[in-house]
Amino acid sequence: MRFAVAAGLAALLSLAAVKAEARVRVAVAEFTIAGGDSPALATQLQDGFVLGLVRGGVQVLDDAETAKRLDGHLELQHCDGSPCLKTLGQQLDVHYVAHVHVDVAGNSYKMVARVFSTEGTPAAALPVATKSKTCDVCTVAEAREGMLRLADMLRPQLEEPAAQVTLTPPPAPPRAPSVATPIVAAMAGVVAVAVGAAILGSNGTCTGTLCSENRSRSALGGAFIGAGAVAAVAGGYVTFARLRNGDPVLGVAMAFQF
């Protein structure tokens, strides 16, 4: 006894979890039975149909809940046109509307279910799926099982609503470091070397007072050549490193060391 109660409770919790995670929503707008006037029979058959959808992850409003939500909206009852279906879907917050009809002749049952989409521009007036099933010489329990199988046949036709995805543009790539400054520095270094060489080349023969002047020019020319060489080498290396997407900092330090 305890095992049966626990199993039943587990089944109910599992069913509730499936229903809570349901994404597709269907409203049973019509559920009619011809040839069977028993309310208990109608309840049993519709229960089988609803259970077949729910256990597949579909959220269902039965005909009683649908009628309750449409109270005061007579224009939406017996709805099968495109504008009406779209309005009905918005009112009930469902993606599909199901019309189910069962013909009962003695112990034989013929079951037909049609499903309409409430979405689109405009919503389709033709059913997106129509399935039927017969059960000859069946008990009520077998007929209920047939309704469950009918729902199983419909379930693959019910597509989940497309998830809205917000696309975030990728971050802009980092700007490449400028090579204008190191190029200018390298060119200035070359010019400085040339100026220093010209100064040294202008020294004449060291005689008398000219020796002191020549020494000053030699020092000035050497300074130009030294500074120019450093600037040219450092600027050239930084330019090369940046063009190769490298790190010029270490190269500058090494250049100044040398």
C-alpha atoms as a PDB file:
ATOM      1  CA  MET A   1       0.000   0.000   0.000  1.00  0.00           C
ATOM      2  CA  ARG A   2       2.768   2.427   0.946  1.00  0.00           C
ATOM      3  CA  PHE A   3       4.643   1.503  -2.219  1.00  0.00           C
ATOM      4  CA  ALA A   4       1.595   2.229  -4.380  1.00  0.00           C
ATOM      5  CA  VAL A   5       1.041   5.627  -2.732  1.00  0.00           C
ATOM      6  CA  ALA A   6       4.716   6.529  -3.118  1.00  0.00           C
ATOM      7  CA  ALA A   7       4.683   5.472  -6.771  1.00  0.00           C
ATOM      8  CA  GLY A   8       1.548   7.516  -7.426  1.00  0.00           C
ATOM      9  CA  LEU A   9       3.038  10.550  -5.702  1.00  0.00           C
ATOM     10  CA  ALA A  10       6.245  10.215  -7.715  1.00  0.00           C
ATOM     11  CA  ALA A  11       4.232  10.035 -10.941  1.00  0.00           C
ATOM     12  CA  LEU A  12       2.300  13.184 -10.025  1.00  0.00           C
ATOM     13  CA  LEU A  13       5.483  15.061  -9.149  1.00  0.00           C
ATOM     14  CA  SER A  14       7.109  13.928 -12.387  1.00  0.00           C
ATOM     15  CA  LEU A  15       4.064  15.034 -14.362  1.00  0.00           C
ATOM     16  CA  ALA A  16       4.068  18.414 -12.591  1.00  0.00           C
ATOM     17  CA  ALA A  17       7.751  18.868 -13.374  1.00  0.00           C
ATOM     18  CA  VAL A  18       7.162  18.094 -17.044  1.00  0.00           C
ATOM     19  CA  LYS A  19       4.273  20.540 -17.122  1.00  0.00           C
ATOM     20  CA  ALA A  20       6.327  23.256 -15.438  1.00  0.00           C
ATOM     21  CA  GLU A  21       9.031  22.877 -18.072  1.00  0.00           C
ATOM     22  CA  ALA A  22       6.552  22.811 -20.966  1.00  0.00           C
ATOM     23  CA  ARG A  23       7.196  25.312 -23.710  1.00  0.00           C
ATOM     24  CA  VAL A  24       4.477  24.482 -26.277  1.00  0.00           C
ATOM     25  CA  ARG A  25       0.996  25.528 -25.145  1.00  0.00           C
ATOM     26  CA  VAL A  26      -2.220  24.051 -26.561  1.00  0.00           C
ATOM     27  CA  ALA A  27      -5.846  24.898 -25.764  1.00  0.00           C
ATOM     28  CA  VAL A  28      -8.588  22.326 -26.339  1.00  0.00           C
ATOM     29  CA  ALA A  29     -11.230  24.684 -27.721  1.00  0.00           C
ATOM     30  CA  GLU A  30     -13.695  21.967 -28.708  1.00  0.00           C
ATOM     31  CA  PHE A  31     -14.154  18.441 -27.410  1.00  0.00           C
ATOM     32  CA  THR A  32     -17.363  16.865 -28.673  1.00  0.00           C
ATOM     33  CA  ILE A  33     -18.746  13.338 -28.481  1.00  0.00           C
ATOM     34  CA  ALA A  34     -21.493  12.076 -30.771  1.00  0.00           C
ATOM     35  CA  GLY A  35     -23.412   9.009 -29.649  1.00  0.00           C
ATOM     36  CA  GLY A  36     -22.252   9.071 -26.043  1.00  0.00           C
ATOM     37  CA  ASP A  37     -24.094  11.280 -23.588  1.00  0.00           C
ATOM     38  CA  SER A  38     -22.216  10.225 -20.463  1.00  0.00           C
ATOM     39  CA  PRO A  39     -20.239  13.101 -18.869  1.00  0.00           C
ATOM     40  CA  ALA A  40     -18.014  10.497 -17.252  1.00  0.00           C
ATOM     41  CA  LEU A  41     -17.143   9.100 -20.685  1.00  0.00           C
ATOM     42  CA  ALA A  42     -16.285  12.557 -21.993  1.00  0.00           C
ATOM     43  CA  THR A  43     -14.096  13.183 -18.956  1.00  0.00           C
ATOM     44  CA  GLN A  44     -12.280   9.862 -19.377  1.00  0.00           C
ATOM     45  CA  LEU A  45     -11.595  10.393 -23.081  1.00  0.00           C
ATOM     46  CA  GLN A  46     -10.458  13.988 -22.757  1.00  0.00           C
ATOM     47  CA  ASP A  47      -8.277  13.039 -19.792  1.00  0.00           C
ATOM     48  CA  GLY A  48      -6.476  10.497 -21.976  1.00  0.00           C
ATOM     49  CA  PHE A  49      -5.960  13.049 -24.751  1.00  0.00           C
ATOM     50  CA  VAL A  50      -4.634  15.722 -22.395  1.00  0.00           C
ATOM     51  CA  LEU A  51      -2.346  13.262 -20.601  1.00  0.00           C
ATOM     52  CA  GLY A  52      -0.844  12.168 -23.925  1.00  0.00           C
ATOM     53  CA  LEU A  53       0.161  15.755 -24.674  1.00  0.00           C
ATOM     54  CA  VAL A  54       1.309  16.673 -21.177  1.00  0.00           C
ATOM     55  CA  ARG A  55       3.621  13.703 -20.787  1.00  0.00           C
ATOM     56  CA  GLY A  56       5.354  14.838 -23.975  1.00  0.00           C
ATOM     57  CA  GLY A  57       6.151  18.254 -22.522  1.00  0.00           C
ATOM     58  CA  VAL A  58       3.113  20.181 -23.817  1.00  0.00           C
ATOM     59  CA  GLN A  59       1.153  22.551 -21.599  1.00  0.00           C
ATOM     60  CA  VAL A  60      -2.580  22.007 -22.151  1.00  0.00           C
ATOM     61  CA  LEU A  61      -5.752  23.910 -21.322  1.00  0.00           C
ATOM     62  CA  ASP A  62      -8.706  21.510 -21.373  1.00  0.00           C
ATOM     63  CA  ASP A  63     -12.070  22.603 -22.755  1.00  0.00           C
ATOM     64  CA  ALA A  64     -13.388  23.608 -19.322  1.00  0.00           C
ATOM     65  CA  GLU A  65     -10.401  25.864 -18.594  1.00  0.00           C
ATOM     66  CA  THR A  66     -10.564  27.278 -22.128  1.00  0.00           C
ATOM     67  CA  ALA A  67     -14.267  28.093 -21.752  1.00  0.00           C
ATOM     68  CA  LYS A  68     -13.562  29.738 -18.406  1.00  0.00           C
ATOM     69  CA  ARG A  69     -10.893  31.989 -19.887  1.00  0.00           C
ATOM     70  CA  LEU A  70     -13.133  32.878 -22.832  1.00  0.00           C
ATOM     71  CA  ASP A  71     -16.032  33.867 -20.623  1.00  0.00           C
ATOM     72  CA  GLY A  72     -17.326  37.156 -22.005  1.00  0.00           C
ATOM     73  CA  HIS A  73     -15.694  36.610 -25.420  1.00  0.00           C
ATOM     74  CA  LEU A  74     -18.492  34.930 -27.356  1.00  0.00           C
ATOM     75  CA  GLU A  75     -16.934  36.003 -30.652  1.00  0.00           C
ATOM     76  CA  LEU A  76     -13.978  33.682 -29.991  1.00  0.00           C
ATOM     77  CA  GLN A  77     -16.040  30.544 -29.463  1.00  0.00           C
ATOM     78  CA  HIS A  78     -16.135  28.012 -32.332  1.00  0.00           C
ATOM     79  CA  CYS A  79     -13.190  29.830 -33.847  1.00  0.00           C
ATOM     80  CA  ASP A  80     -11.633  28.563 -37.115  1.00  0.00           C
ATOM     81  CA  GLY A  81     -10.817  31.667 -39.198  1.00  0.00           C
ATOM     82  CA  SER A  82      -7.356  33.242 -39.402  1.00  0.00           C
ATOM     83  CA  PRO A  83      -8.067  36.541 -37.569  1.00  0.00           C
ATOM     84  CA  CYS A  84     -10.137  34.727 -34.958  1.00  0.00           C
ATOM     85  CA  LEU A  85      -7.453  32.102 -34.337  1.00  0.00           C
ATOM     86  CA  LYS A  86      -4.796  34.782 -33.894  1.00  0.00           C
ATOM     87  CA  THR A  87      -6.952  36.681 -31.402  1.00  0.00           C
ATOM     88  CA  LEU A  88      -7.814  33.439 -29.617  1.00  0.00           C
ATOM     89  CA  GLY A  89      -4.139  32.563 -29.260  1.00  0.00           C
ATOM     90  CA  GLN A  90      -3.381  35.973 -27.784  1.00  0.00           C
ATOM     91  CA  GLN A  91      -6.326  35.741 -25.373  1.00  0.00           C
ATOM     92  CA  LEU A  92      -5.357  32.278 -24.126  1.00  0.00           C
ATOM     93  CA  ASP A  93      -1.590  32.722 -24.542  1.00  0.00           C
ATOM     94  CA  VAL A  94      -1.293  29.474 -26.516  1.00  0.00           C
ATOM     95  CA  HIS A  95       0.490  28.477 -29.694  1.00  0.00           C
ATOM     96  CA  TYR A  96      -2.090  25.943 -30.895  1.00  0.00           C
ATOM     97  CA  VAL A  97      -5.817  25.263 -30.641  1.00  0.00           C
ATOM     98  CA  ALA A  98      -7.153  21.682 -30.767  1.00  0.00           C
ATOM     99  CA  HIS A  99     -10.588  20.551 -31.955  1.00  0.00           C
ATOM    100  CA  VAL A 100     -11.377  16.951 -30.979  1.00  0.00           C
ATOM    101  CA  HIS A 101     -14.430  14.940 -32.057  1.00  0.00           C
ATOM    102  CA  VAL A 102     -15.327  11.382 -31.065  1.00  0.00           C
ATOM    103  CA  ASP A 103     -18.053   9.270 -32.703  1.00  0.00           C
ATOM    104  CA  VAL A 104     -19.346   6.523 -30.433  1.00  0.00           C
ATOM    105  CA  ALA A 105     -21.347   3.621 -31.848  1.00  0.00           C
ATOM    106  CA  GLY A 106     -21.973   1.011 -29.177  1.00  0.00           C
ATOM    107  CA  ASN A 107     -18.511  -0.122 -28.103  1.00  0.00           C
ATOM    108  CA  SER A 108     -16.746   1.338 -31.148  1.00  0.00           C
ATOM    109  CA  TYR A 109     -14.999   4.700 -31.172  1.00  0.00           C
ATOM    110  CA  LYS A 110     -13.728   6.874 -33.992  1.00  0.00           C
ATOM    111  CA  MET A 111     -11.518   9.722 -32.782  1.00  0.00           C
ATOM    112  CA  VAL A 112     -10.403  12.726 -34.848  1.00  0.00           C
ATOM    113  CA  ALA A 113      -8.209  15.592 -33.651  1.00  0.00           C
ATOM    114  CA  ARG A 114      -7.333  18.729 -35.593  1.00  0.00           C
ATOM    115  CA  VAL A 115      -4.749  21.256 -34.436  1.00  0.00           C
ATOM    116  CA  PHE A 116      -4.616  24.873 -35.655  1.00  0.00           C
ATOM    117  CA  SER A 117      -1.730  27.293 -35.257  1.00  0.00           C
ATOM    118  CA  THR A 118      -2.529  30.632 -33.646  1.00  0.00           C
ATOM    119  CA  GLU A 119       0.693  32.248 -34.813  1.00  0.00           C
ATOM    120  CA  GLY A 120       1.895  33.651 -38.098  1.00  0.00           C
ATOM    121  CA  THR A 121       0.793  36.609 -40.189  1.00  0.00           C
ATOM    122  CA  PRO A 122      -1.994  35.787 -40.394  1.00  0.00           C
ATOM    123  CA  ALA A 123      -2.473  32.546 -38.456  1.00  0.00           C
ATOM    124  CA  ALA A 124      -3.220  29.547 -40.657  1.00  0.00           C
ATOM    125  CA  ALA A 125      -6.919  28.790 -41.087  1.00  0.00           C
ATOM    126  CA  LEU A 126      -6.116  25.226 -42.146  1.00  0.00           C
ATOM    127  CA  PRO A 127      -5.099  22.706 -39.484  1.00  0.00           C
ATOM    128  CA  VAL A 128      -1.388  22.121 -39.159  1.00  0.00           C
ATOM    129  CA  ALA A 129      -2.131  18.503 -38.234  1.00  0.00           C
ATOM    130  CA  THR A 130      -5.097  16.138 -38.448  1.00  0.00           C
ATOM    131  CA  LYS A 131      -4.915  12.690 -36.902  1.00  0.00           C
ATOM    132  CA  SER A 132      -7.528   9.991 -36.432  1.00  0.00           C
ATOM    133  CA  LYS A 133      -7.753   6.676 -34.631  1.00  0.00           C
ATOM    134  CA  THR A 134     -10.403   3.994 -34.328  1.00  0.00           C
ATOM    135  CA  CYS A 135     -11.094   1.525 -31.580  1.00  0.00           C
ATOM    136  CA  ASP A 136     -13.510  -1.299 -32.450  1.00  0.00           C
ATOM    137  CA  VAL A 137     -15.323  -3.123 -29.652  1.00  0.00           C
ATOM    138  CA  CYS A 138     -13.413  -1.366 -26.873  1.00  0.00           C
ATOM    139  CA  THR A 139     -13.930  -0.748 -23.214  1.00  0.00           C
ATOM    140  CA  VAL A 140     -13.859   2.813 -21.890  1.00  0.00           C
ATOM    141  CA  ALA A 141     -10.351   2.217 -20.580  1.00  0.00           C
ATOM    142  CA  GLU A 142      -9.221   1.042 -24.020  1.00  0.00           C
ATOM    143  CA  ALA A 143     -10.883   4.053 -25.643  1.00  0.00           C
ATOM    144  CA  ARG A 144      -9.071   6.324 -23.204  1.00  0.00           C
ATOM    145  CA  GLU A 145      -5.812   4.627 -24.158  1.00  0.00           C
ATOM    146  CA  GLY A 146      -6.707   5.257 -27.805  1.00  0.00           C
ATOM    147  CA  MET A 147      -7.089   8.985 -27.059  1.00  0.00           C
ATOM    148  CA  LEU A 148      -3.686   8.947 -25.423  1.00  0.00           C
ATOM    149  CA  ARG A 149      -2.195   7.371 -28.557  1.00  0.00           C
ATOM    150  CA  LEU A 150      -3.980   9.974 -30.684  1.00  0.00           C
ATOM    151  CA  ALA A 151      -2.221  12.699 -28.709  1.00  0.00           C
ATOM    152  CA  ASP A 152       1.079  10.868 -29.216  1.00  0.00           C
ATOM    153  CA  MET A 153       0.504  11.044 -32.971  1.00  0.00           C
ATOM    154  CA  LEU A 154      -0.088  14.805 -32.820  1.00  0.00           C
ATOM    155  CA  ARG A 155       2.808  15.718 -30.562  1.00  0.00           C
ATOM    156  CA  PRO A 156       5.580  15.628 -33.217  1.00  0.00           C
ATOM    157  CA  GLN A 157       3.615  18.198 -35.246  1.00  0.00           C
ATOM    158  CA  LEU A 158       3.689  20.754 -32.433  1.00  0.00           C
ATOM    159  CA  GLU A 159       6.795  22.834 -32.855  1.00  0.00           C
ATOM    160  CA  GLU A 160       8.278  24.768 -29.989  1.00  0.00           C
ATOM    161  CA  PRO A 161       8.242  28.543 -30.385  1.00  0.00           C
ATOM    162  CA  ALA A 162      11.498  29.898 -31.682  1.00  0.00           C
ATOM    163  CA  ALA A 163      13.676  31.193 -28.890  1.00  0.00           C
ATOM    164  CA  GLN A 164      14.496  34.864 -29.106  1.00  0.00           C
ATOM    165  CA  VAL A 165      18.228  35.227 -29.269  1.00  0.00           C
ATOM    166  CA  THR A 166      19.889  38.585 -28.806  1.00  0.00           C
ATOM    167  CA  LEU A 167      23.058  38.694 -30.836  1.00  0.00           C
ATOM    168  CA  THR A 168      25.820  40.697 -29.218  1.00  0.00           C
ATOM    169  CA  PRO A 169      28.286  42.088 -31.735  1.00  0.00           C
ATOM    170  CA  PRO A 170      31.831  40.877 -31.151  1.00  0.00           C
ATOM    171  CA  PRO A 171      34.147  43.373 -29.495  1.00  0.00           C
ATOM    172  CA  ALA A 172      36.104  45.559 -31.854  1.00  0.00           C
ATOM    173  CA  PRO A 173      39.632  44.288 -32.434  1.00  0.00           C
ATOM    174  CA  PRO A 174      42.315  46.317 -30.673  1.00  0.00           C
ATOM    175  CA  ARG A 175      43.821  49.044 -32.766  1.00  0.00           C
ATOM    176  CA  ALA A 176      47.222  48.237 -34.130  1.00  0.00           C
ATOM    177  CA  PRO A 177      49.951  50.353 -32.523  1.00  0.00           C
ATOM    178  CA  SER A 178      51.095  53.240 -34.675  1.00  0.00           C
ATOM    179  CA  VAL A 179      54.417  52.934 -36.485  1.00  0.00           C
ATOM    180  CA  ALA A 180      54.596  56.600 -37.512  1.00  0.00           C
ATOM    181  CA  THR A 181      56.573  57.733 -34.450  1.00  0.00           C
ATOM    182  CA  PRO A 182      59.278  55.034 -34.585  1.00  0.00           C
ATOM    183  CA  ILE A 183      59.661  55.545 -38.344  1.00  0.00           C
ATOM    184  CA  VAL A 184      60.187  59.276 -37.824  1.00  0.00           C
ATOM    185  CA  ALA A 185      62.661  58.513 -35.028  1.00  0.00           C
ATOM    186  CA  ALA A 186      64.606  56.111 -37.261  1.00  0.00           C
ATOM    187  CA  MET A 187      64.719  58.666 -40.095  1.00  0.00           C
ATOM    188  CA  ALA A 188      65.829  61.397 -37.718  1.00  0.00           C
ATOM    189  CA  GLY A 189      68.551  59.074 -36.473  1.00  0.00           C
ATOM    190  CA  VAL A 190      69.791  58.476 -40.012  1.00  0.00           C
ATOM    191  CA  VAL A 191      69.841  62.232 -40.641  1.00  0.00           C
ATOM    192  CA  ALA A 192      71.718  62.790 -37.374  1.00  0.00           C
ATOM    193  CA  VAL A 193      74.335  60.208 -38.386  1.00  0.00           C
ATOM    194  CA  ALA A 194      74.734  61.923 -41.754  1.00  0.00           C
ATOM    195  CA  VAL A 195      75.105  65.335 -40.095  1.00  0.00           C
ATOM    196  CA  GLY A 196      77.686  63.951 -37.666  1.00  0.00           C
ATOM    197  CA  ALA A 197      79.646  62.389 -40.525  1.00  0.00           C
ATOM    198  CA  ALA A 198      79.566  65.701 -42.406  1.00  0.00           C
ATOM    199  CA  ILE A 199      80.843  67.544 -39.369  1.00  0.00           C
ATOM    200  CA  LEU A 200      83.705  65.103 -38.964  1.00  0.00           C
ATOM    201  CA  GLY A 201      84.492  65.315 -42.658  1.00  0.00           C
ATOM    202  CA  SER A 202      84.740  69.106 -42.463  1.00  0.00           C
ATOM    203  CA  ASN A 203      87.718  68.978 -40.073  1.00  0.00           C
ATOM    204  CA  GLY A 204      90.885  70.266 -41.676  1.00  0.00           C
ATOM    205  CA  THR A 205      94.518  69.726 -40.767  1.00  0.00           C
ATOM    206  CA  CYS A 206      95.160  70.369 -37.099  1.00  0.00           C
ATOM    207  CA  THR A 207      97.513  73.409 -36.990  1.00  0.00           C
ATOM    208  CA  GLY A 208      97.753  75.830 -34.113  1.00  0.00           C
ATOM    209  CA  THR A 209      94.418  77.169 -32.968  1.00  0.00           C
ATOM    210  CA  LEU A 210      92.583  74.901 -35.429  1.00  0.00           C
ATOM    211  CA  CYS A 211      93.268  71.849 -33.269  1.00  0.00           C
ATOM    212  CA  SER A 212      90.987  73.074 -30.519  1.00  0.00           C
ATOM    213  CA  GLU A 213      88.233  73.866 -33.036  1.00  0.00           C
ATOM    214  CA  ASN A 214      88.651  70.452 -34.688  1.00  0.00           C
ATOM    215  CA  ARG A 215      88.334  68.695 -31.374  1.00  0.00           C
ATOM    216  CA  SER A 216      85.074  70.542 -30.684  1.00  0.00           C
ATOM    217  CA  ARG A 217      83.748  69.589 -34.124  1.00  0.00           C
ATOM    218  CA  SER A 218      84.827  65.996 -33.626  1.00  0.00           C
ATOM    219  CA  ALA A 219      83.008  65.848 -30.305  1.00  0.00           C
ATOM    220  CA  LEU A 220      79.895  67.412 -31.841  1.00  0.00           C
ATOM    221  CA  GLY A 221      80.032  65.094 -34.842  1.00  0.00           C
ATOM    222  CA  GLY A 222      80.539  62.062 -32.619  1.00  0.00           C
ATOM    223  CA  ALA A 223      77.547  63.102 -30.505  1.00  0.00           C
ATOM    224  CA  PHE A 224      75.373  63.409 -33.608  1.00  0.00           C
ATOM    225  CA  ILE A 225      76.524  60.030 -34.894  1.00  0.00           C
ATOM    226  CA  GLY A 226      76.041  58.281 -31.538  1.00  0.00           C
ATOM    227  CA  ALA A 227      72.593  59.741 -30.881  1.00  0.00           C
ATOM    228  CA  GLY A 228      71.541  59.189 -34.467  1.00  0.00           C
ATOM    229  CA  ALA A 229      72.670  55.588 -34.422  1.00  0.00           C
ATOM    230  CA  VAL A 230      70.734  54.880 -31.240  1.00  0.00           C
ATOM    231  CA  ALA A 231      67.612  56.590 -32.609  1.00  0.00           C
ATOM    232  CA  ALA A 232      67.855  54.800 -35.951  1.00  0.00           C
ATOM    233  CA  VAL A 233      68.366  51.356 -34.400  1.00  0.00           C
ATOM    234  CA  ALA A 234      65.657  51.819 -31.750  1.00  0.00           C
ATOM    235  CA  GLY A 235      63.155  53.294 -34.221  1.00  0.00           C
ATOM    236  CA  GLY A 236      63.829  50.570 -36.747  1.00  0.00           C
ATOM    237  CA  TYR A 237      63.406  47.821 -34.172  1.00  0.00           C
ATOM    238  CA  VAL A 238      60.181  49.277 -32.764  1.00  0.00           C
ATOM    239  CA  THR A 239      58.768  49.603 -36.258  1.00  0.00           C
ATOM    240  CA  PHE A 240      59.651  46.007 -37.087  1.00  0.00           C
ATOM    241  CA  ALA A 241      58.240  44.731 -33.777  1.00  0.00           C
ATOM    242  CA  ARG A 242      54.942  46.563 -34.199  1.00  0.00           C
ATOM    243  CA  LEU A 243      54.558  45.344 -37.740  1.00  0.00           C
ATOM    244  CA  ARG A 244      55.066  41.820 -36.406  1.00  0.00           C
ATOM    245  CA  ASN A 245      52.603  42.474 -33.518  1.00  0.00           C
ATOM    246  CA  GLY A 246      55.424  42.017 -31.076  1.00  0.00           C
ATOM    247  CA  ASP A 247      56.338  43.807 -27.880  1.00  0.00           C
ATOM    248  CA  PRO A 248      58.793  46.618 -28.623  1.00  0.00           C
ATOM    249  CA  VAL A 249      59.512  47.505 -24.986  1.00  0.00           C
ATOM    250  CA  LEU A 250      62.130  44.803 -24.500  1.00  0.00           C
ATOM    251  CA  GLY A 251      63.691  45.675 -27.835  1.00  0.00           C
ATOM    252  CA  VAL A 252      64.021  49.349 -26.925  1.00  0.00           C
ATOM    253  CA  ALA A 253      65.713  48.468 -23.654  1.00  0.00           C
ATOM    254  CA  MET A 254      68.178  46.204 -25.436  1.00  0.00           C
ATOM    255  CA  ALA A 255      68.824  48.856 -28.072  1.00  0.00           C
ATOM    256  CA  PHE A 256      69.693  51.468 -25.458  1.00  0.00           C
ATOM    257  CA  GLN A 257      71.944  48.984 -23.651  1.00  0.00           C
ATOM    258  CA  PHE A 258      73.962  48.508 -26.782  1.00  0.00           C
END
